[in-house]
Amino acid sequence: MAASFYRQASANRRNSFLLVLVIVALLALLGFTIGYGTTGALEGGLGWLGIFGVIAIVSSLVGYFSGDRVVLAASKARPATEAEAPQLLNVVRELTLSAGLPMPAVYLIDDTALNAFATGRDPKHASIAVTTGLVARLDREELQGVVGHELSHVRNYDIRYAMLVGVLVGTIALLADVFLRMTFWGGAGRRSSSSDRGGGGLQALVLILALVLAILAPFFGRLVQLAVSRQREYLADASSVELTRNPYGLQRALAVLAEDREVLEVANRATQHLYFRNPIHKFEDRSQGLFSTHPPIVERINRLRALTGEPPIDAAGLPGVAESS
């Protein structure tokens, strides 16, 4: 099992890193082609890339220092107390000791839906929020699996990772939108002095490439962002097993959540990727047009089953996993 765990964790980290490189390359290519296409000069391409690089850095700093407070406030989370959630706090303390992490702030969300999320810029400034429905429904081993998953997001710096990717994808969308608006109003197609001297052919080709990228890059950037999110979920699942030394509690928790159709009202499209499972269900109106922020629960369970050499299941086998001891 140890060899399988480390192999799976290594693959997930490698895939996440490669996907982030794809987003960085996409941002760089889009910025340079827009700059060169609109100015006909190398300096123009580098200038556009530099401007939006600065925007990405500033946005990252704002999210780094205040993003967790915004998420907790938007989720209507309140501090958990010993009187109300003694088992939850005990499990968090137990697993933070196992993980060698500082004790995070623990919050409750008053909702019957089953879910949880972690936020914060690093392990010293981390918070975990759990719905009251999840605390009431799951047994101790299942709760350990979910809390271990969220603590793994903290230990693996997934929240910071997700913020970085989100800022890069947002910068791509902003850059593309500004360029398309310039093009619409006729400002982007003016030929520079260098193009008047004979470089107009190359500039025109680059401008066409920039237009194509401006239309497609936000879409592909979002797809890559979601792929990164799914890889980090797999990694957190595997890391939870490492912390709890029990793959079955997490499997059962996932199976129980798969059957939960309660709507988490405080969740939205901006925060859905943070949760243990996607809080926006397919049957909800707000789910229309969404891509998947999380891997399918059956696939997550099967990856955990692979760690112990168990055969995979399909959706029909979920009730059996939920009821297993």
Protein backbone atom coordinates (compact mmCIF):
# COMPACT_ATOMS: atom_id res chain seq x y z
CA MET A 1 0.00 0.00 0.00
CA ALA A 2 2.84 2.43 0.83
CA ALA A 3 4.39 2.03 -2.61
CA SER A 4 1.01 2.59 -4.28
CA PHE A 5 0.34 5.67 -2.17
CA TYR A 6 3.65 7.36 -2.93
CA ARG A 7 3.39 6.49 -6.61
CA GLN A 8 -0.11 7.98 -6.81
CA ALA A 9 0.84 11.09 -4.82
CA SER A 10 3.91 11.67 -6.98
CA ALA A 11 1.85 11.35 -10.17
CA ASN A 12 -0.75 13.83 -8.90
CA ARG A 13 1.90 16.40 -7.95
CA ARG A 14 3.64 16.01 -11.31
CA ASN A 15 0.39 16.38 -13.23
CA SER A 16 -0.55 19.50 -11.25
CA PHE A 17 2.83 21.11 -11.94
CA LEU A 18 2.61 20.38 -15.67
CA LEU A 19 -0.90 21.82 -15.86
CA VAL A 20 0.22 25.04 -14.18
CA LEU A 21 3.04 25.31 -16.71
CA VAL A 22 0.43 25.01 -19.47
CA ILE A 23 -1.49 27.98 -18.01
CA VAL A 24 1.69 30.06 -17.66
CA ALA A 25 2.66 29.26 -21.26
CA LEU A 26 -0.84 30.17 -22.45
CA LEU A 27 -0.70 33.51 -20.62
CA ALA A 28 2.75 34.28 -22.01
CA LEU A 29 1.78 33.36 -25.58
CA LEU A 30 -1.43 35.38 -25.46
CA GLY A 31 0.26 38.44 -23.98
CA PHE A 32 3.11 38.41 -26.45
CA THR A 33 0.95 37.83 -29.55
CA ILE A 34 -1.42 40.63 -28.56
CA GLY A 35 1.45 43.03 -27.94
CA TYR A 36 3.28 42.16 -31.15
CA GLY A 37 0.09 41.99 -33.20
CA THR A 38 -1.03 45.47 -32.13
CA THR A 39 2.36 47.19 -32.30
CA GLY A 40 4.43 45.18 -34.75
CA ALA A 41 7.37 45.36 -32.34
CA LEU A 42 9.06 42.93 -29.97
CA GLU A 43 8.95 45.59 -27.25
CA GLY A 44 5.17 45.77 -27.58
CA GLY A 45 4.79 42.06 -27.01
CA LEU A 46 7.01 42.11 -23.93
CA GLY A 47 5.27 45.24 -22.66
CA TRP A 48 1.80 43.69 -22.75
CA LEU A 49 3.09 40.57 -21.07
CA GLY A 50 4.71 42.66 -18.33
CA ILE A 51 1.59 44.71 -17.65
CA PHE A 52 -0.61 41.70 -17.09
CA GLY A 53 2.10 39.97 -15.14
CA VAL A 54 1.94 42.88 -12.69
CA ILE A 55 -1.87 42.55 -12.54
CA ALA A 56 -1.52 38.85 -11.75
CA ILE A 57 0.98 39.56 -8.95
CA VAL A 58 -1.19 42.27 -7.35
CA SER A 59 -4.28 40.05 -7.51
CA SER A 60 -2.31 37.20 -5.95
CA LEU A 61 -1.19 39.38 -3.04
CA VAL A 62 -4.76 40.54 -2.35
CA GLY A 63 -6.02 36.96 -2.38
CA TYR A 64 -3.07 35.77 -0.31
CA PHE A 65 -3.74 38.11 2.61
CA SER A 66 -7.54 38.38 2.62
CA GLY A 67 -8.98 35.53 0.55
CA ASP A 68 -9.69 33.23 3.51
CA ARG A 69 -11.70 35.86 5.39
CA VAL A 70 -13.80 36.54 2.31
CA VAL A 71 -14.52 32.83 1.79
CA LEU A 72 -15.47 32.22 5.43
CA ALA A 73 -17.74 35.26 5.48
CA ALA A 74 -19.40 34.27 2.19
CA SER A 75 -19.99 30.78 3.60
CA LYS A 76 -21.55 32.17 6.82
CA ALA A 77 -19.14 30.07 8.85
CA ARG A 78 -18.94 30.55 12.63
CA PRO A 79 -16.35 29.25 15.14
CA ALA A 80 -16.98 25.72 16.42
CA THR A 81 -17.22 25.26 20.19
CA GLU A 82 -16.41 22.30 22.43
CA ALA A 83 -20.00 22.18 23.67
CA GLU A 84 -21.43 21.89 20.17
CA ALA A 85 -18.85 19.83 18.25
CA PRO A 86 -16.56 17.98 20.67
CA GLN A 87 -15.91 15.03 18.34
CA LEU A 88 -15.06 17.28 15.40
CA LEU A 89 -12.55 19.29 17.43
CA ASN A 90 -11.07 16.11 18.88
CA VAL A 91 -10.60 14.62 15.40
CA VAL A 92 -8.99 17.82 14.11
CA ARG A 93 -6.55 17.89 17.05
CA GLU A 94 -5.71 14.21 16.59
CA LEU A 95 -4.98 14.54 12.88
CA THR A 96 -3.05 17.82 13.14
CA LEU A 97 -0.71 16.06 15.56
CA SER A 98 -0.39 13.18 13.11
CA ALA A 99 0.32 15.58 10.24
CA GLY A 100 2.70 17.77 12.27
CA LEU A 101 0.54 20.83 11.58
CA PRO A 102 -0.53 23.73 13.80
CA MET A 103 -4.11 23.54 15.01
CA PRO A 104 -6.29 25.31 12.41
CA ALA A 105 -9.29 27.45 13.25
CA VAL A 106 -12.40 25.26 13.05
CA TYR A 107 -15.74 26.60 11.83
CA LEU A 108 -19.26 25.30 11.45
CA ILE A 109 -21.69 26.09 8.64
CA ASP A 110 -25.33 25.76 9.69
CA ASP A 111 -26.61 23.58 6.87
CA THR A 112 -27.96 20.03 6.59
CA ALA A 113 -25.94 19.40 3.41
CA LEU A 114 -22.84 17.22 3.87
CA ASN A 115 -19.67 19.11 3.02
CA ALA A 116 -16.47 20.77 4.25
CA PHE A 117 -13.62 22.93 3.00
CA ALA A 118 -10.23 24.27 4.02
CA THR A 119 -8.89 27.75 3.39
CA GLY A 120 -5.91 29.89 4.35
CA ARG A 121 -2.59 30.92 2.88
CA ASP A 122 -0.39 28.43 4.78
CA PRO A 123 -0.56 25.92 7.66
CA LYS A 124 -0.05 28.69 10.24
CA HIS A 125 -3.03 30.65 8.89
CA ALA A 126 -5.43 27.83 8.05
CA SER A 127 -9.12 27.26 8.73
CA ILE A 128 -11.42 24.29 8.25
CA ALA A 129 -15.17 24.72 7.88
CA VAL A 130 -17.59 21.78 8.21
CA THR A 131 -21.35 21.73 7.80
CA THR A 132 -23.45 20.76 10.81
CA GLY A 133 -25.10 18.15 8.62
CA LEU A 134 -21.79 16.40 8.02
CA VAL A 135 -20.92 16.39 11.74
CA ALA A 136 -24.32 14.89 12.58
CA ARG A 137 -24.36 12.25 9.82
CA LEU A 138 -20.86 10.76 9.69
CA ASP A 139 -19.35 8.39 12.24
CA ARG A 140 -15.90 9.02 13.69
CA GLU A 141 -13.91 7.11 11.06
CA GLU A 142 -15.79 8.79 8.22
CA LEU A 143 -15.29 12.19 9.82
CA GLN A 144 -11.57 11.41 10.17
CA GLY A 145 -11.42 10.69 6.44
CA VAL A 146 -13.01 14.05 5.53
CA VAL A 147 -10.97 16.06 8.04
CA GLY A 148 -7.80 14.26 6.90
CA HIS A 149 -8.64 15.26 3.31
CA GLU A 150 -9.05 18.92 4.28
CA LEU A 151 -5.91 18.96 6.41
CA SER A 152 -4.06 17.46 3.45
CA HIS A 153 -5.16 20.47 1.39
CA VAL A 154 -3.54 22.63 4.08
CA ARG A 155 -0.36 20.54 4.30
CA ASN A 156 -0.02 20.32 0.51
CA TYR A 157 -0.58 24.10 0.12
CA ASP A 158 -3.49 23.38 -2.21
CA ILE A 159 -5.36 26.56 -1.23
CA ARG A 160 -2.39 28.70 -2.26
CA TYR A 161 -2.01 26.56 -5.37
CA ALA A 162 -5.66 27.05 -6.33
CA MET A 163 -5.36 30.80 -5.79
CA LEU A 164 -2.32 31.01 -8.07
CA VAL A 165 -4.05 29.09 -10.83
CA GLY A 166 -7.23 31.14 -10.41
CA VAL A 167 -5.31 34.41 -10.71
CA LEU A 168 -3.48 33.22 -13.83
CA VAL A 169 -6.71 32.09 -15.49
CA GLY A 170 -8.40 35.35 -14.48
CA THR A 171 -5.52 37.33 -15.99
CA ILE A 172 -5.89 35.39 -19.23
CA ALA A 173 -9.61 36.21 -19.34
CA LEU A 174 -8.92 39.88 -18.58
CA LEU A 175 -6.18 40.14 -21.19
CA ALA A 176 -8.37 38.47 -23.81
CA ASP A 177 -11.36 40.69 -23.00
CA VAL A 178 -9.35 43.92 -23.19
CA PHE A 179 -7.86 42.91 -26.53
CA LEU A 180 -11.19 41.89 -28.05
CA ARG A 181 -12.73 45.19 -26.97
CA MET A 182 -9.83 47.08 -28.53
CA THR A 183 -10.25 45.10 -31.71
CA PHE A 184 -14.00 45.73 -31.77
CA TRP A 185 -13.47 49.49 -31.50
CA GLY A 186 -10.79 49.43 -34.18
CA GLY A 187 -7.78 50.25 -32.04
CA ALA A 188 -5.93 46.97 -32.33
CA GLY A 189 -5.58 46.81 -36.06
CA ARG A 190 -3.59 49.97 -36.65
CA ARG A 191 -0.28 49.36 -38.31
CA SER A 192 2.86 50.53 -36.58
CA SER A 193 5.75 52.33 -38.24
CA SER A 194 7.69 49.08 -38.34
CA SER A 195 4.86 47.40 -40.23
CA ASP A 196 4.81 50.29 -42.71
CA ARG A 197 8.43 49.50 -43.48
CA GLY A 198 7.60 45.98 -44.61
CA GLY A 199 6.87 43.99 -41.46
CA GLY A 200 3.12 44.14 -41.91
CA GLY A 201 2.79 40.57 -43.16
CA LEU A 202 4.18 38.99 -40.01
CA GLN A 203 2.29 41.45 -37.83
CA ALA A 204 -0.98 40.56 -39.56
CA LEU A 205 -0.40 36.84 -39.02
CA VAL A 206 0.42 37.37 -35.37
CA LEU A 207 -2.65 39.59 -35.00
CA ILE A 208 -4.86 36.83 -36.40
CA LEU A 209 -3.24 34.34 -34.02
CA ALA A 210 -3.86 36.75 -31.15
CA LEU A 211 -7.54 37.03 -32.08
CA VAL A 212 -7.93 33.24 -32.15
CA LEU A 213 -6.12 32.89 -28.81
CA ALA A 214 -8.19 35.68 -27.24
CA ILE A 215 -11.36 33.78 -28.09
CA LEU A 216 -10.16 30.32 -27.11
CA ALA A 217 -7.61 30.93 -24.33
CA PRO A 218 -10.10 31.71 -21.51
CA PHE A 219 -12.00 28.52 -22.30
CA PHE A 220 -8.88 26.34 -22.35
CA GLY A 221 -7.48 28.12 -19.30
CA ARG A 222 -10.63 27.26 -17.38
CA LEU A 223 -10.42 23.64 -18.49
CA VAL A 224 -6.82 23.42 -17.28
CA GLN A 225 -7.79 25.09 -13.97
CA LEU A 226 -10.45 22.44 -13.41
CA ALA A 227 -7.98 19.69 -14.30
CA VAL A 228 -5.57 21.08 -11.67
CA SER A 229 -8.40 21.12 -9.12
CA ARG A 230 -9.22 17.48 -9.82
CA GLN A 231 -5.58 16.41 -9.49
CA ARG A 232 -5.33 18.14 -6.11
CA GLU A 233 -8.50 16.36 -4.93
CA TYR A 234 -6.95 12.99 -5.80
CA LEU A 235 -3.79 14.00 -3.95
CA ALA A 236 -5.75 15.09 -0.86
CA ASP A 237 -7.64 11.78 -0.84
CA ALA A 238 -4.39 9.81 -0.93
CA SER A 239 -2.83 12.08 1.71
CA SER A 240 -5.85 11.57 3.98
CA VAL A 241 -5.21 7.83 3.89
CA GLU A 242 -1.61 8.50 4.87
CA LEU A 243 -2.73 10.57 7.87
CA THR A 244 -5.51 8.31 9.12
CA ARG A 245 -3.93 4.97 8.14
CA ASN A 246 -7.46 3.98 7.18
CA PRO A 247 -8.67 4.04 3.55
CA TYR A 248 -12.10 2.69 4.47
CA GLY A 249 -13.35 5.64 6.51
CA LEU A 250 -12.81 8.01 3.60
CA GLN A 251 -14.35 5.55 1.14
CA ARG A 252 -17.48 5.29 3.28
CA ALA A 253 -17.66 9.07 3.69
CA LEU A 254 -17.47 9.55 -0.08
CA ALA A 255 -20.18 6.96 -0.63
CA VAL A 256 -22.46 8.64 1.93
CA LEU A 257 -21.91 12.05 0.33
CA ALA A 258 -22.65 10.62 -3.10
CA GLU A 259 -26.21 9.93 -1.95
CA ASP A 260 -26.67 13.38 -0.38
CA ARG A 261 -28.99 15.63 -2.39
CA GLU A 262 -29.22 18.44 0.15
CA VAL A 263 -28.49 21.85 -1.41
CA LEU A 264 -25.73 23.90 0.23
CA GLU A 265 -27.21 27.37 -0.14
CA VAL A 266 -24.09 29.37 0.74
CA ALA A 267 -21.96 27.78 -1.99
CA ASN A 268 -21.43 29.59 -5.29
CA ARG A 269 -19.40 29.26 -8.45
CA ALA A 270 -16.47 31.18 -6.96
CA THR A 271 -16.13 28.88 -3.94
CA GLN A 272 -17.35 25.50 -5.25
CA HIS A 273 -13.84 24.22 -5.98
CA LEU A 274 -12.85 24.55 -2.30
CA TYR A 275 -15.31 22.00 -0.97
CA PHE A 276 -14.78 18.31 -0.22
CA ARG A 277 -17.23 17.54 -3.01
CA ASN A 278 -18.85 19.89 -5.51
CA PRO A 279 -21.65 21.55 -3.51
CA ILE A 280 -23.58 22.54 -6.63
CA HIS A 281 -25.54 19.52 -7.81
CA LYS A 282 -26.40 18.79 -11.41
CA PHE A 283 -30.13 19.13 -10.76
CA GLU A 284 -29.77 22.75 -9.58
CA ASP A 285 -30.40 25.67 -11.92
CA ARG A 286 -27.09 27.27 -10.91
CA SER A 287 -25.20 24.21 -12.17
CA GLN A 288 -26.02 24.96 -15.79
CA GLY A 289 -22.93 25.56 -17.89
CA LEU A 290 -20.52 24.41 -15.19
CA PHE A 291 -17.54 22.19 -15.81
CA SER A 292 -16.62 19.58 -13.22
CA THR A 293 -14.53 21.00 -10.37
CA HIS A 294 -14.14 17.59 -8.71
CA PRO A 295 -13.46 14.06 -9.99
CA PRO A 296 -16.44 11.68 -9.97
CA ILE A 297 -16.93 10.18 -6.51
CA VAL A 298 -16.84 6.64 -7.91
CA GLU A 299 -13.43 7.36 -9.44
CA ARG A 300 -12.16 8.78 -6.14
CA ILE A 301 -13.32 5.66 -4.31
CA ASN A 302 -11.75 3.38 -6.91
CA ARG A 303 -8.39 5.12 -6.56
CA LEU A 304 -8.58 4.49 -2.81
CA ARG A 305 -9.55 0.87 -3.41
CA ALA A 306 -6.53 0.48 -5.68
CA LEU A 307 -4.29 1.35 -2.72
CA THR A 308 -5.47 -1.81 -0.96
CA GLY A 309 -5.73 -3.99 -4.05
CA GLU A 310 -9.54 -4.10 -4.05
CA PRO A 311 -11.47 -4.36 -7.33
CA PRO A 312 -13.16 -1.21 -8.67
CA ILE A 313 -16.86 -0.58 -8.30
CA ASP A 314 -19.45 1.27 -10.36
CA ALA A 315 -22.19 3.64 -9.24
CA ALA A 316 -24.44 0.71 -8.33
CA GLY A 317 -21.88 -0.39 -5.74
CA LEU A 318 -21.90 2.88 -3.77
CA PRO A 319 -24.58 1.81 -1.25
CA GLY A 320 -22.50 -1.25 -0.37
CA VAL A 321 -19.45 0.91 0.33
CA ALA A 322 -21.48 3.31 2.47
CA GLU A 323 -22.85 0.46 4.58
CA SER A 324 -19.58 -1.47 4.98
CA SER A 325 -18.08 -1.62 8.44
